[in-house]
Amino acid sequence: MNITRSIFAALLLVAGLAGGVAGAAEDAAKADAQAAPAAPAAPLRYSEKGADTCLTCHNEGWAYPIYPIFATKHGNRADKRAPFGKGGLQCEACHGPGGNHAESGDKTLIMNQGAKSTRPAAQQNAACLTCHRGNSHTGWVGSSHETNNVACANCHKIHAERDPVLAKATQADVCYACHRKERADFHKPSTHPVRFGKVACSECHAPHGSNARAMLAKQTVNQTCYTCHAEKRGPFLWEHAPVAEDCTLCHNPHGSVYQAMLKKNPPLLCQQCHSTNGHPSVAYTGSALPGRTAVPSGFLLAGGCTNCHSQVHGSNHPSGVKLMR
């Protein structure tokens, strides 16, 4: 009985050793496979027929020879700077070599752009920045849109004959895709006429980057406002301090439920800075008597401060110290 147990134990020991050796050999084989250099990928090739190869599949219901791409600046064959110009690579100038993609249909072999793209925004934008680096695009790197991974193709329709984001009437709808709070503001009773296509977002903001806050087109809020509201610029003999400091202290530029896009109606807006104590209007209520609290008069509440102080943005009248004339 003891002999049988000894033989059984010896067999188990031999089996364990054999299994350990086999496992070690398998681990060594895996390590060798990982350490071995990967096989080099096949070099990407350009297609033989350029756009004729691409448009065979990517016609999107267009009828040959009317393709919207040929009505855009990118598809202008007479412009040597354009991808379709003389010596250009046509579609592959932006999308990269497409020969391998045309043969296999593998999307990873070509630069796909737009909202459905799986490529990082920075990689997509690199193709655009090859040409679009100057003028209004110089501030792109480090801008709010760039740091939030917004791709050029998220806003621009490059293949469309008329890019919606470049048209005043349709630009706001493109911006609203991300800026939904501003969409709500522009539907309030008192707004700039953006929803009517008379003002575009890019008239106040620089979408490709700016050194100013909120990506403003000018360096300050007031300079941006003065582009249209030049009569508020001054200089004035009698100046209203908040006007010279920042228009948005009183106004909400994207829209308000109050008239003139004010943040509050007078006198509530004015009383954020101006105390009612000692104001002549208090006497009309009789509340200035001893033991009573001074409050705005009924005349003031009914009409607002601007009934008397009509020149709230500043006055050049010799007697306009109270901004009343």
Protein backbone atom coordinates (compact mmCIF):
# COMPACT_ATOMS: atom_id res chain seq x y z
CA MET A 1 0.00 0.00 0.00
CA ASN A 2 2.86 2.36 0.87
CA ILE A 3 4.61 1.42 -2.38
CA THR A 4 1.49 2.29 -4.37
CA ARG A 5 1.23 5.69 -2.68
CA SER A 6 4.89 6.39 -3.34
CA ILE A 7 4.51 5.53 -7.03
CA PHE A 8 1.38 7.75 -7.29
CA ALA A 9 3.15 10.68 -5.62
CA ALA A 10 6.11 10.28 -7.96
CA LEU A 11 3.81 10.33 -11.00
CA LEU A 12 2.12 13.53 -9.75
CA LEU A 13 5.53 15.15 -9.26
CA VAL A 14 6.66 14.23 -12.77
CA ALA A 15 3.36 15.53 -14.27
CA GLY A 16 3.70 18.81 -12.36
CA LEU A 17 7.26 19.30 -13.55
CA ALA A 18 6.24 18.57 -17.13
CA GLY A 19 3.36 21.06 -16.90
CA GLY A 20 5.65 23.72 -15.46
CA VAL A 21 8.16 23.23 -18.24
CA ALA A 22 5.42 23.45 -20.86
CA GLY A 23 4.02 26.64 -19.27
CA ALA A 24 7.45 28.23 -19.14
CA ALA A 25 8.02 27.34 -22.78
CA GLU A 26 4.67 28.92 -23.74
CA ASP A 27 5.46 32.12 -21.80
CA ALA A 28 8.84 32.33 -23.46
CA ALA A 29 7.22 31.94 -26.89
CA LYS A 30 4.79 34.79 -26.12
CA ALA A 31 7.62 37.03 -24.94
CA ASP A 32 9.57 36.32 -28.11
CA ALA A 33 6.50 37.12 -30.23
CA GLN A 34 6.01 40.46 -28.44
CA ALA A 35 9.68 41.36 -28.71
CA ALA A 36 9.79 40.59 -32.42
CA PRO A 37 9.41 43.70 -34.61
CA ALA A 38 5.99 44.07 -36.24
CA ALA A 39 5.78 43.50 -39.93
CA PRO A 40 6.07 46.82 -41.77
CA ALA A 41 2.74 48.17 -43.05
CA ALA A 42 2.28 48.42 -46.76
CA PRO A 43 3.15 51.93 -47.99
CA LEU A 44 0.13 54.08 -48.80
CA ARG A 45 -0.30 54.82 -52.49
CA TYR A 46 -2.10 57.60 -54.33
CA SER A 47 -4.89 56.60 -56.66
CA GLU A 48 -4.23 56.52 -60.39
CA LYS A 49 -7.17 58.70 -61.46
CA GLY A 50 -7.40 61.15 -58.54
CA ALA A 51 -10.89 62.59 -58.10
CA ASP A 52 -12.29 60.30 -60.81
CA THR A 53 -11.44 57.37 -58.54
CA CYS A 54 -13.00 58.98 -55.45
CA LEU A 55 -16.18 60.21 -57.11
CA THR A 56 -16.97 56.74 -58.39
CA CYS A 57 -18.17 55.90 -54.88
CA HIS A 58 -18.41 59.27 -53.12
CA ASN A 59 -21.02 60.84 -55.38
CA GLU A 60 -23.64 61.34 -52.63
CA GLY A 61 -26.43 61.35 -55.20
CA TRP A 62 -24.84 64.04 -57.36
CA ALA A 63 -25.30 63.81 -61.09
CA TYR A 64 -22.13 63.89 -63.19
CA PRO A 65 -20.66 66.31 -64.17
CA ILE A 66 -22.39 68.60 -61.62
CA TYR A 67 -20.46 68.04 -58.39
CA PRO A 68 -20.69 70.85 -55.77
CA ILE A 69 -17.02 70.40 -54.90
CA PHE A 70 -16.12 71.93 -58.27
CA ALA A 71 -18.06 75.10 -57.37
CA THR A 72 -15.97 75.67 -54.23
CA LYS A 73 -12.58 77.32 -53.87
CA HIS A 74 -11.05 73.93 -53.08
CA GLY A 75 -12.31 72.50 -56.37
CA ASN A 76 -11.24 75.42 -58.56
CA ARG A 77 -9.00 73.83 -61.17
CA ALA A 78 -7.86 77.24 -62.42
CA ASP A 79 -6.37 78.24 -59.04
CA LYS A 80 -2.88 76.85 -58.53
CA ARG A 81 -3.27 77.25 -54.77
CA ALA A 82 -6.35 75.01 -54.65
CA PRO A 83 -6.13 71.22 -54.17
CA PHE A 84 -7.71 70.76 -57.61
CA GLY A 85 -5.38 73.30 -59.20
CA LYS A 86 -2.48 72.60 -61.48
CA GLY A 87 -0.13 70.08 -59.90
CA GLY A 88 -2.51 69.44 -57.01
CA LEU A 89 -3.49 66.05 -55.66
CA GLN A 90 -7.22 66.82 -55.84
CA CYS A 91 -9.19 64.96 -53.14
CA GLU A 92 -6.05 63.32 -51.80
CA ALA A 93 -4.43 66.68 -51.07
CA CYS A 94 -6.68 66.88 -47.99
CA HIS A 95 -7.69 63.28 -47.39
CA GLY A 96 -4.30 61.65 -47.94
CA PRO A 97 -3.26 58.82 -50.29
CA GLY A 98 -6.36 56.91 -51.37
CA GLY A 99 -5.06 54.12 -53.56
CA ASN A 100 -5.11 51.49 -50.82
CA HIS A 101 -8.49 52.72 -49.61
CA ALA A 102 -10.00 52.50 -53.10
CA GLU A 103 -8.91 48.86 -53.40
CA SER A 104 -9.88 47.60 -49.94
CA GLY A 105 -12.48 50.10 -48.74
CA ASP A 106 -10.72 50.25 -45.35
CA LYS A 107 -11.57 53.64 -43.82
CA THR A 108 -8.47 53.61 -41.64
CA LEU A 109 -6.29 53.97 -44.72
CA ILE A 110 -7.49 57.48 -45.53
CA MET A 111 -8.18 60.68 -43.60
CA ASN A 112 -11.91 60.80 -42.91
CA GLN A 113 -13.19 64.15 -41.68
CA GLY A 114 -16.37 65.53 -40.17
CA ALA A 115 -18.71 64.73 -37.30
CA LYS A 116 -18.60 60.98 -38.06
CA SER A 117 -14.82 60.80 -38.21
CA THR A 118 -12.95 58.52 -35.83
CA ARG A 119 -9.73 60.54 -36.19
CA PRO A 120 -8.71 63.02 -33.44
CA ALA A 121 -9.68 66.61 -34.20
CA ALA A 122 -6.04 67.72 -34.15
CA GLN A 123 -5.20 65.18 -36.86
CA GLN A 124 -8.14 66.30 -38.99
CA ASN A 125 -7.28 69.98 -38.56
CA ALA A 126 -3.65 69.42 -39.51
CA ALA A 127 -4.76 68.86 -43.10
CA CYS A 128 -6.59 72.23 -43.13
CA LEU A 129 -3.79 74.12 -41.39
CA THR A 130 -1.40 73.08 -44.12
CA CYS A 131 -2.86 75.95 -46.15
CA HIS A 132 -5.02 77.93 -43.71
CA ARG A 133 -2.45 79.36 -41.29
CA GLY A 134 -2.47 83.09 -41.87
CA ASN A 135 -4.85 86.02 -41.46
CA SER A 136 -7.83 85.14 -39.24
CA HIS A 137 -6.48 81.64 -38.51
CA THR A 138 -3.28 82.75 -36.76
CA GLY A 139 -4.89 82.51 -33.31
CA TRP A 140 -6.27 79.00 -33.76
CA VAL A 141 -3.63 77.19 -31.68
CA GLY A 142 -4.59 77.63 -28.04
CA SER A 143 -8.04 79.02 -28.81
CA SER A 144 -11.16 77.80 -26.98
CA HIS A 145 -12.33 75.82 -30.00
CA GLU A 146 -8.94 74.19 -30.52
CA THR A 147 -8.51 73.21 -26.86
CA ASN A 148 -12.04 71.74 -26.84
CA ASN A 149 -11.17 69.47 -29.79
CA VAL A 150 -13.43 71.15 -32.32
CA ALA A 151 -12.59 70.03 -35.85
CA CYS A 152 -12.78 72.40 -38.80
CA ALA A 153 -15.24 70.05 -40.47
CA ASN A 154 -17.58 70.25 -37.46
CA CYS A 155 -18.42 73.81 -38.53
CA HIS A 156 -17.46 73.98 -42.21
CA LYS A 157 -19.10 72.06 -45.06
CA ILE A 158 -16.10 71.87 -47.36
CA HIS A 159 -17.80 70.01 -50.21
CA ALA A 160 -20.88 72.24 -50.25
CA GLU A 161 -21.20 74.91 -52.91
CA ARG A 162 -22.24 77.38 -50.20
CA ASP A 163 -20.82 76.78 -46.74
CA PRO A 164 -23.64 77.58 -44.24
CA VAL A 165 -21.22 78.92 -41.63
CA LEU A 166 -19.97 81.57 -44.05
CA ALA A 167 -23.44 82.96 -44.78
CA LYS A 168 -24.93 85.53 -42.38
CA ALA A 169 -28.40 84.03 -42.65
CA THR A 170 -27.34 80.48 -41.71
CA GLN A 171 -24.22 80.96 -39.60
CA ALA A 172 -26.02 81.16 -36.26
CA ASP A 173 -27.64 77.75 -36.73
CA VAL A 174 -24.18 76.20 -37.06
CA CYS A 175 -22.99 77.90 -33.85
CA TYR A 176 -26.16 76.91 -32.00
CA ALA A 177 -25.25 73.23 -32.39
CA CYS A 178 -22.91 73.75 -29.41
CA HIS A 179 -23.95 77.12 -27.97
CA ARG A 180 -27.49 76.26 -26.94
CA LYS A 181 -27.79 78.85 -24.18
CA GLU A 182 -27.11 81.57 -26.72
CA ARG A 183 -29.82 80.11 -28.97
CA ALA A 184 -32.32 80.63 -26.14
CA ASP A 185 -31.06 84.16 -25.47
CA PHE A 186 -31.47 85.19 -29.09
CA HIS A 187 -35.14 84.21 -28.97
CA LYS A 188 -35.88 86.61 -26.11
CA PRO A 189 -37.94 89.76 -26.79
CA SER A 190 -34.97 92.18 -26.89
CA THR A 191 -31.98 90.94 -28.90
CA HIS A 192 -29.63 91.71 -31.73
CA PRO A 193 -31.32 90.64 -35.01
CA VAL A 194 -29.27 87.45 -35.32
CA ARG A 195 -32.25 85.15 -35.87
CA PHE A 196 -33.37 87.39 -38.74
CA GLY A 197 -30.05 86.98 -40.56
CA LYS A 198 -29.05 90.64 -40.18
CA VAL A 199 -26.17 90.06 -37.74
CA ALA A 200 -23.75 87.13 -37.69
CA CYS A 201 -21.96 85.68 -34.66
CA SER A 202 -18.60 86.28 -36.34
CA GLU A 203 -19.22 90.04 -36.41
CA CYS A 204 -18.58 90.08 -32.66
CA HIS A 205 -16.61 86.86 -32.10
CA ALA A 206 -13.49 85.47 -33.79
CA PRO A 207 -14.20 81.73 -34.11
CA HIS A 208 -10.63 80.89 -35.12
CA GLY A 209 -9.14 82.43 -31.99
CA SER A 210 -8.62 85.73 -30.24
CA ASN A 211 -6.57 87.22 -27.43
CA ALA A 212 -9.70 88.80 -25.96
CA ARG A 213 -12.12 87.12 -23.58
CA ALA A 214 -15.03 85.21 -25.09
CA MET A 215 -13.07 85.14 -28.38
CA LEU A 216 -14.19 88.68 -29.20
CA ALA A 217 -13.26 90.13 -32.56
CA LYS A 218 -11.86 93.25 -30.84
CA GLN A 219 -9.66 93.49 -27.79
CA THR A 220 -12.42 94.66 -25.41
CA VAL A 221 -16.19 94.42 -25.11
CA ASN A 222 -16.62 98.15 -25.65
CA GLN A 223 -14.49 98.22 -28.80
CA THR A 224 -16.59 95.39 -30.18
CA CYS A 225 -19.84 97.23 -29.38
CA TYR A 226 -18.55 100.52 -30.82
CA THR A 227 -18.14 98.84 -34.19
CA CYS A 228 -21.89 99.38 -34.65
CA HIS A 229 -22.80 101.70 -31.77
CA ALA A 230 -20.31 104.47 -32.56
CA GLU A 231 -22.53 107.17 -31.03
CA LYS A 232 -21.90 105.64 -27.59
CA ARG A 233 -18.12 105.86 -27.92
CA GLY A 234 -17.68 109.45 -26.72
CA PRO A 235 -15.60 111.08 -25.37
CA PHE A 236 -18.21 112.88 -23.27
CA LEU A 237 -17.89 115.96 -21.12
CA TRP A 238 -19.94 114.19 -18.45
CA GLU A 239 -19.21 110.49 -18.52
CA HIS A 240 -21.21 107.65 -16.97
CA ALA A 241 -18.51 105.48 -15.38
CA PRO A 242 -19.94 101.98 -16.09
CA VAL A 243 -20.49 102.89 -19.74
CA ALA A 244 -16.79 103.60 -20.25
CA GLU A 245 -15.83 100.45 -18.34
CA ASP A 246 -17.91 97.63 -19.82
CA CYS A 247 -21.19 97.66 -21.76
CA THR A 248 -22.14 94.28 -20.31
CA LEU A 249 -22.43 95.76 -16.82
CA CYS A 250 -25.89 96.93 -17.88
CA HIS A 251 -26.63 95.05 -21.10
CA ASN A 252 -26.86 91.37 -22.01
CA PRO A 253 -25.56 91.30 -25.61
CA HIS A 254 -27.16 87.94 -26.48
CA GLY A 255 -30.66 88.96 -25.48
CA SER A 256 -32.86 89.92 -22.56
CA VAL A 257 -36.50 89.94 -21.48
CA TYR A 258 -36.09 93.65 -20.69
CA GLN A 259 -36.04 96.50 -23.18
CA ALA A 260 -32.72 97.60 -24.71
CA MET A 261 -31.23 94.23 -23.68
CA LEU A 262 -30.86 95.49 -20.10
CA LYS A 263 -30.05 93.04 -17.34
CA LYS A 264 -32.77 94.58 -15.16
CA ASN A 265 -35.36 97.29 -15.61
CA PRO A 266 -34.77 100.72 -14.09
CA PRO A 267 -34.79 101.63 -11.29
CA LEU A 268 -33.63 98.21 -10.09
CA LEU A 269 -30.68 98.25 -12.49
CA CYS A 270 -29.64 101.76 -11.46
CA GLN A 271 -29.99 101.03 -7.76
CA GLN A 272 -27.29 98.38 -7.96
CA CYS A 273 -24.89 101.36 -7.82
CA HIS A 274 -26.99 104.39 -6.83
CA SER A 275 -28.60 104.70 -3.40
CA THR A 276 -32.10 106.17 -3.16
CA ASN A 277 -31.35 107.99 0.09
CA GLY A 278 -31.56 111.74 -0.36
CA HIS A 279 -32.84 111.49 -3.92
CA PRO A 280 -35.49 114.16 -4.72
CA SER A 281 -37.95 111.53 -5.86
CA VAL A 282 -38.21 110.17 -2.33
CA ALA A 283 -40.03 113.31 -1.18
CA TYR A 284 -42.97 112.60 -3.48
CA THR A 285 -43.99 109.61 -1.35
CA GLY A 286 -43.88 111.31 2.00
CA SER A 287 -41.72 108.44 3.26
CA ALA A 288 -38.85 110.79 4.02
CA LEU A 289 -40.63 111.84 7.25
CA PRO A 290 -38.87 111.00 10.54
CA GLY A 291 -39.08 107.35 11.48
CA ARG A 292 -39.87 106.14 7.98
CA THR A 293 -37.61 104.39 5.46
CA ALA A 294 -36.75 106.19 2.23
CA VAL A 295 -37.99 104.24 -0.79
CA PRO A 296 -38.30 105.10 -4.49
CA SER A 297 -41.35 107.19 -5.34
CA GLY A 298 -44.31 106.04 -7.36
CA PHE A 299 -43.20 108.35 -10.13
CA LEU A 300 -39.83 106.63 -10.27
CA LEU A 301 -41.20 103.10 -10.17
CA ALA A 302 -43.74 103.88 -12.89
CA GLY A 303 -41.31 105.31 -15.40
CA GLY A 304 -37.77 104.57 -14.36
CA CYS A 305 -34.67 106.69 -13.88
CA THR A 306 -34.40 107.42 -17.59
CA ASN A 307 -37.52 109.60 -17.44
CA CYS A 308 -35.19 112.30 -16.13
CA HIS A 309 -31.68 110.95 -16.70
CA SER A 310 -32.12 110.34 -20.40
CA GLN A 311 -28.43 110.66 -21.37
CA VAL A 312 -27.28 107.56 -19.51
CA HIS A 313 -24.36 106.94 -21.89
CA GLY A 314 -22.89 110.42 -21.31
CA SER A 315 -23.58 114.08 -21.96
CA ASN A 316 -21.73 116.94 -23.65
CA HIS A 317 -24.12 119.62 -22.37
CA PRO A 318 -22.51 122.19 -20.04
CA SER A 319 -25.29 121.52 -17.51
CA GLY A 320 -25.34 117.76 -18.07
CA VAL A 321 -23.56 116.69 -14.93
CA LYS A 322 -26.64 114.71 -13.85
CA LEU A 323 -26.91 113.18 -17.35
CA MET A 324 -30.31 114.85 -17.71
CA ARG A 325 -29.58 116.84 -20.87
